[in-house]
């Protein structure tokens, strides 16, 4: 009885968007699109098979990947819940949760390991910009709630071509604010470090990540450390790592400023000055 009530609640909550379609009519409104991926599973645990489509514009698919029109070929996601074996309820449509055709740059592996069950959508994508030797592998876990997706888990592994080092950041719902997920905000115009909530629970994790990614992608390290220092201006080690990051990018002036701040805090907090790395003294001369 409880499961029937839950299913009825789901259907009623989608009523503003929902429309019933016969199995043969699922794509009747998408004649201008090609299917990138079709995924079947029981998304909401009601023992009826559901379907998710990832679609791309036929017109844009005929264009060169690198062109002069500056357009972004977004991929459309359409989700149907099975009501019976032949009828489906369309519950969701968006252009903003999967990467566009151009978004992965040098990589052809746009979307992989896709799974959607118990209202959790997960997938992996590779970000490899054309003009960079850095690339990332990102694993998303998105919770479908209130007819939108929110991030519940996020993992990004950073690499640099030709090097063995990598750095991984793992975030959960306690690290980021609840918000409607938009892939393009997270990857194109902004990134996770624009949204991160620095707290006493995650500051050590973030500082350790910033230290490890310094040799892989120092600009990301700097962004994270600036967030940490804004929240915890007396955190000594953050200034050391920040100075190292600026030194790595060639900004010697800012590096020296932060090395000096690090030394000053070591003294004011009665830390063991013998633990100051040798290069700090050398670089502040």
Protein backbone atom coordinates (compact mmCIF):
# COMPACT_ATOMS: atom_id res chain seq x y z
CA UNK A 1 0.00 0.00 0.00
CA UNK A 2 2.80 2.41 0.91
CA UNK A 3 4.58 1.80 -2.40
CA UNK A 4 1.39 2.57 -4.35
CA UNK A 5 0.93 5.84 -2.45
CA UNK A 6 4.58 6.75 -3.12
CA UNK A 7 4.22 6.09 -6.86
CA UNK A 8 1.00 8.14 -7.02
CA UNK A 9 2.80 10.97 -5.23
CA UNK A 10 5.62 10.84 -7.79
CA UNK A 11 3.22 10.99 -10.72
CA UNK A 12 1.23 13.88 -9.20
CA UNK A 13 4.40 15.85 -8.41
CA UNK A 14 5.40 15.73 -12.09
CA UNK A 15 1.97 16.88 -13.30
CA UNK A 16 3.20 20.33 -14.37
CA UNK A 17 5.45 18.74 -16.99
CA UNK A 18 4.29 15.15 -17.37
CA UNK A 19 2.65 13.73 -20.43
CA UNK A 20 1.78 10.13 -21.24
CA UNK A 21 3.36 8.59 -24.34
CA UNK A 22 3.00 5.23 -26.00
CA UNK A 23 6.25 3.29 -26.25
CA UNK A 24 6.40 3.93 -30.03
CA UNK A 25 5.88 7.69 -29.57
CA UNK A 26 8.67 8.49 -27.11
CA UNK A 27 10.75 10.43 -29.63
CA UNK A 28 7.98 11.83 -31.80
CA UNK A 29 8.78 15.40 -30.69
CA UNK A 30 12.51 15.00 -31.27
CA UNK A 31 12.82 14.44 -35.01
CA UNK A 32 15.58 17.05 -35.21
CA UNK A 33 17.81 15.02 -32.87
CA UNK A 34 20.03 11.96 -33.03
CA UNK A 35 20.26 9.50 -30.15
CA UNK A 36 23.62 9.72 -28.38
CA UNK A 37 22.64 7.19 -25.72
CA UNK A 38 19.54 5.26 -24.65
CA UNK A 39 19.51 3.88 -21.13
CA UNK A 40 16.87 1.59 -19.60
CA UNK A 41 16.51 0.77 -15.92
CA UNK A 42 14.01 0.93 -13.06
CA UNK A 43 14.77 4.51 -11.96
CA UNK A 44 12.27 4.80 -9.12
CA UNK A 45 12.17 1.23 -7.77
CA UNK A 46 8.57 0.48 -8.84
CA UNK A 47 9.52 -2.67 -10.81
CA UNK A 48 8.60 -1.07 -14.17
CA UNK A 49 11.31 -0.33 -16.73
CA UNK A 50 12.02 3.38 -17.38
CA UNK A 51 14.07 5.08 -20.08
CA UNK A 52 16.52 7.98 -20.38
CA UNK A 53 17.61 9.44 -23.72
CA UNK A 54 20.60 11.65 -24.43
CA UNK A 55 20.00 13.49 -27.70
CA UNK A 56 22.05 15.79 -29.91
CA UNK A 57 20.96 18.16 -32.66
CA UNK A 58 21.27 16.67 -36.18
CA UNK A 59 22.11 20.12 -37.57
CA UNK A 60 24.95 20.64 -35.11
CA UNK A 61 26.24 17.11 -35.61
CA UNK A 62 26.84 17.93 -39.28
CA UNK A 63 29.09 20.85 -38.33
CA UNK A 64 32.81 20.55 -37.64
CA UNK A 65 33.66 20.14 -33.97
CA UNK A 66 35.87 23.24 -34.16
CA UNK A 67 34.07 26.00 -36.05
CA UNK A 68 33.70 29.77 -36.11
CA UNK A 69 30.12 30.15 -34.94
CA UNK A 70 31.01 30.04 -31.21
CA UNK A 71 27.90 27.97 -30.51
CA UNK A 72 27.68 25.24 -27.89
CA UNK A 73 26.08 21.99 -29.07
CA UNK A 74 24.25 21.01 -25.91
CA UNK A 75 22.97 17.48 -25.44
CA UNK A 76 19.39 17.09 -24.38
CA UNK A 77 18.32 14.68 -21.63
CA UNK A 78 14.76 13.31 -21.66
CA UNK A 79 13.51 10.99 -18.92
CA UNK A 80 10.41 8.79 -19.02
CA UNK A 81 8.98 6.69 -16.21
CA UNK A 82 7.25 3.50 -17.29
CA UNK A 83 3.60 3.54 -16.26
CA UNK A 84 2.85 0.21 -17.93
CA UNK A 85 4.86 -1.92 -20.35
CA UNK A 86 3.59 0.23 -23.23
CA UNK A 87 2.92 3.66 -21.70
CA UNK A 88 5.46 6.12 -20.33
CA UNK A 89 5.26 9.34 -18.37
CA UNK A 90 7.68 12.07 -19.45
CA UNK A 91 8.97 13.62 -16.23
CA UNK A 92 12.04 15.62 -17.18
CA UNK A 93 13.79 17.39 -20.04
CA UNK A 94 16.87 19.59 -19.95
CA UNK A 95 19.90 20.71 -21.97
CA UNK A 96 22.07 21.34 -18.92
CA UNK A 97 23.09 18.13 -17.12
CA UNK A 98 25.33 16.47 -19.73
CA UNK A 99 28.40 17.90 -21.49
CA UNK A 100 28.03 19.46 -24.91
CA UNK A 101 29.66 18.05 -28.02
CA UNK A 102 32.58 20.48 -27.72
CA UNK A 103 32.93 20.40 -23.92
CA UNK A 104 35.40 17.55 -23.66
CA UNK A 105 37.89 19.11 -26.06
CA UNK A 106 40.45 16.55 -27.23
CA UNK A 107 38.52 13.65 -25.68
CA UNK A 108 35.90 11.61 -27.53
CA UNK A 109 34.76 9.91 -24.32
CA UNK A 110 31.93 12.30 -23.57
CA UNK A 111 29.67 10.28 -21.28
CA UNK A 112 30.34 6.83 -19.84
CA UNK A 113 29.43 4.57 -16.90
CA UNK A 114 25.94 6.05 -16.88
CA UNK A 115 23.53 4.65 -14.31
CA UNK A 116 20.18 5.83 -12.96
CA UNK A 117 18.52 3.98 -10.09
CA UNK A 118 16.69 4.90 -6.87
CA UNK A 119 16.54 8.50 -8.16
CA UNK A 120 20.37 8.76 -8.32
CA UNK A 121 21.91 9.52 -11.72
CA UNK A 122 25.65 8.86 -12.07
CA UNK A 123 28.00 9.23 -15.02
CA UNK A 124 31.64 9.90 -15.88
CA UNK A 125 33.12 12.36 -18.33
CA UNK A 126 36.62 13.41 -19.37
CA UNK A 127 37.60 17.06 -19.70
CA UNK A 128 40.60 17.57 -21.99
CA UNK A 129 40.87 21.16 -23.28
CA UNK A 130 42.44 21.65 -26.70
CA UNK A 131 44.89 24.30 -25.47
CA UNK A 132 46.11 22.57 -22.31
CA UNK A 133 48.22 19.64 -21.18
CA UNK A 134 45.96 19.23 -18.15
CA UNK A 135 42.91 17.01 -18.15
CA UNK A 136 40.39 15.69 -15.65
CA UNK A 137 38.17 12.67 -15.16
CA UNK A 138 34.94 13.62 -13.38
CA UNK A 139 32.44 11.31 -11.70
CA UNK A 140 29.04 12.87 -10.99
CA UNK A 141 26.31 11.55 -8.71
CA UNK A 142 23.12 13.57 -8.98
CA UNK A 143 19.96 13.14 -6.94
CA UNK A 144 16.66 13.68 -8.72
CA UNK A 145 14.54 15.74 -6.33
CA UNK A 146 11.75 18.31 -6.83
CA UNK A 147 11.90 17.75 -10.60
CA UNK A 148 15.57 18.76 -10.76
CA UNK A 149 19.00 17.28 -10.12
CA UNK A 150 21.27 18.19 -7.20
CA UNK A 151 24.85 17.02 -6.67
CA UNK A 152 25.14 14.47 -3.88
CA UNK A 153 28.68 13.24 -4.71
CA UNK A 154 31.39 14.69 -6.93
CA UNK A 155 34.83 13.32 -7.70
CA UNK A 156 37.40 14.92 -9.99
CA UNK A 157 40.83 13.47 -10.71
CA UNK A 158 43.35 15.91 -12.19
CA UNK A 159 46.17 14.81 -14.47
CA UNK A 160 48.98 16.41 -16.44
CA UNK A 161 50.07 14.83 -19.72
CA UNK A 162 53.42 13.09 -19.40
CA UNK A 163 53.46 13.00 -15.60
CA UNK A 164 52.53 10.24 -13.18
CA UNK A 165 51.20 12.54 -10.45
CA UNK A 166 47.49 13.11 -10.03
CA UNK A 167 45.24 14.74 -7.46
CA UNK A 168 41.69 13.75 -6.48
CA UNK A 169 39.01 15.86 -4.86
CA UNK A 170 35.96 14.08 -3.43
CA UNK A 171 32.95 16.12 -2.34
CA UNK A 172 29.57 15.24 -0.89
CA UNK A 173 26.42 17.18 -0.03
CA UNK A 174 28.06 18.58 3.11
CA UNK A 175 30.76 20.31 1.05
CA UNK A 176 28.53 22.15 -1.42
CA UNK A 177 25.25 24.08 -1.16
CA UNK A 178 21.99 22.54 -2.30
CA UNK A 179 21.33 23.93 -5.74
CA UNK A 180 19.91 23.03 -9.13
CA UNK A 181 22.71 21.28 -11.02
CA UNK A 182 23.93 22.86 -14.25
CA UNK A 183 26.89 21.15 -15.92
CA UNK A 184 27.95 24.36 -17.65
CA UNK A 185 28.18 26.30 -14.39
CA UNK A 186 30.31 23.54 -12.86
CA UNK A 187 32.70 23.05 -15.77
CA UNK A 188 32.48 25.85 -18.33
CA UNK A 189 31.88 29.21 -16.65
CA UNK A 190 32.71 28.12 -13.08
CA UNK A 191 33.92 25.02 -11.23
CA UNK A 192 33.39 23.23 -7.94
CA UNK A 193 35.83 25.49 -6.09
CA UNK A 194 33.55 28.46 -6.82
CA UNK A 195 30.82 26.78 -4.77
CA UNK A 196 32.73 24.89 -2.08
CA UNK A 197 31.68 25.51 1.54
CA UNK A 198 34.87 25.57 3.60
CA UNK A 199 34.14 24.17 7.06
CA UNK A 200 36.01 22.77 10.04
CA UNK A 201 35.00 19.30 8.78
CA UNK A 202 36.58 19.63 5.33
CA UNK A 203 39.36 22.23 5.67
CA UNK A 204 42.07 19.60 6.17
CA UNK A 205 40.82 17.60 3.18
CA UNK A 206 40.86 20.73 1.02
CA UNK A 207 44.31 21.80 2.21
CA UNK A 208 45.74 18.33 1.53
CA UNK A 209 44.20 18.38 -1.96
CA UNK A 210 45.61 21.86 -2.67
CA UNK A 211 49.07 20.65 -1.64
CA UNK A 212 48.88 17.57 -3.85
CA UNK A 213 47.54 19.34 -6.94
CA UNK A 214 50.16 22.08 -6.77
CA UNK A 215 52.50 20.27 -9.19
CA UNK A 216 49.64 19.12 -11.43
CA UNK A 217 47.55 22.29 -11.72
CA UNK A 218 48.82 25.13 -9.50
CA UNK A 219 46.02 27.53 -10.49
CA UNK A 220 43.43 25.17 -8.96
CA UNK A 221 45.62 24.87 -5.85
CA UNK A 222 45.72 28.66 -5.50
CA UNK A 223 41.95 29.04 -5.87
CA UNK A 224 41.27 26.47 -3.17
CA UNK A 225 43.83 27.93 -0.76
CA UNK A 226 42.44 31.45 -1.18
CA UNK A 227 39.03 30.05 -0.16
CA UNK A 228 40.60 28.42 2.91
CA UNK A 229 42.45 31.57 3.98
CA UNK A 230 39.33 33.70 3.57
CA UNK A 231 37.51 31.45 6.05
CA UNK A 232 40.51 30.63 8.29
CA UNK A 233 43.02 33.52 8.02
CA UNK A 234 45.21 32.11 10.79
CA UNK A 235 45.77 28.72 9.17
CA UNK A 236 49.56 28.75 8.90
CA UNK A 237 50.18 25.89 6.49
CA UNK A 238 47.75 27.35 3.93
CA UNK A 239 50.05 30.36 3.42
CA UNK A 240 53.03 28.09 2.82
CA UNK A 241 51.13 26.06 0.23
CA UNK A 242 49.72 29.23 -1.35
CA UNK A 243 53.20 30.72 -1.65
CA UNK A 244 54.46 27.50 -3.26
CA UNK A 245 51.56 27.65 -5.73
CA UNK A 246 52.36 31.23 -6.74
CA UNK A 247 56.05 30.30 -7.07
CA UNK A 248 55.07 27.41 -9.35
CA UNK A 249 53.11 29.77 -11.63
CA UNK A 250 55.98 32.27 -11.78
CA UNK A 251 54.34 34.97 -9.65
CA UNK A 252 57.38 35.50 -7.40
CA UNK A 253 56.02 38.72 -5.83
CA UNK A 254 52.87 37.10 -4.43
CA UNK A 255 54.90 34.05 -3.46
CA UNK A 256 57.26 36.16 -1.34
CA UNK A 257 54.32 37.99 0.28
CA UNK A 258 52.77 34.72 1.38
CA UNK A 259 56.08 33.19 2.50
CA UNK A 260 56.57 36.23 4.76
CA UNK A 261 53.00 35.88 6.07
CA UNK A 262 53.71 32.22 6.78
CA UNK A 263 56.89 33.05 8.71
CA UNK A 264 55.10 35.78 10.68
CA UNK A 265 52.31 33.41 11.70
CA UNK A 266 54.82 30.72 12.67
CA UNK A 267 56.40 33.25 15.05
CA UNK A 268 53.16 34.73 16.42
CA UNK A 269 51.73 31.26 17.09
CA UNK A 270 54.95 30.07 18.76
CA UNK A 271 55.50 27.30 16.22
CA UNK A 272 58.80 25.47 15.91
CA UNK A 273 60.75 27.70 13.50
CA UNK A 274 63.11 24.82 12.73
CA UNK A 275 60.24 23.29 10.73
CA UNK A 276 60.24 26.15 8.23
CA UNK A 277 61.37 24.60 4.90
CA UNK A 278 64.79 25.70 3.69
CA UNK A 279 63.45 27.02 0.38
CA UNK A 280 61.23 29.51 2.19
CA UNK A 281 64.19 31.46 3.51
CA UNK A 282 65.94 31.24 0.16
CA UNK A 283 62.92 32.52 -1.75
CA UNK A 284 62.26 35.48 0.55
CA UNK A 285 65.73 36.94 0.15
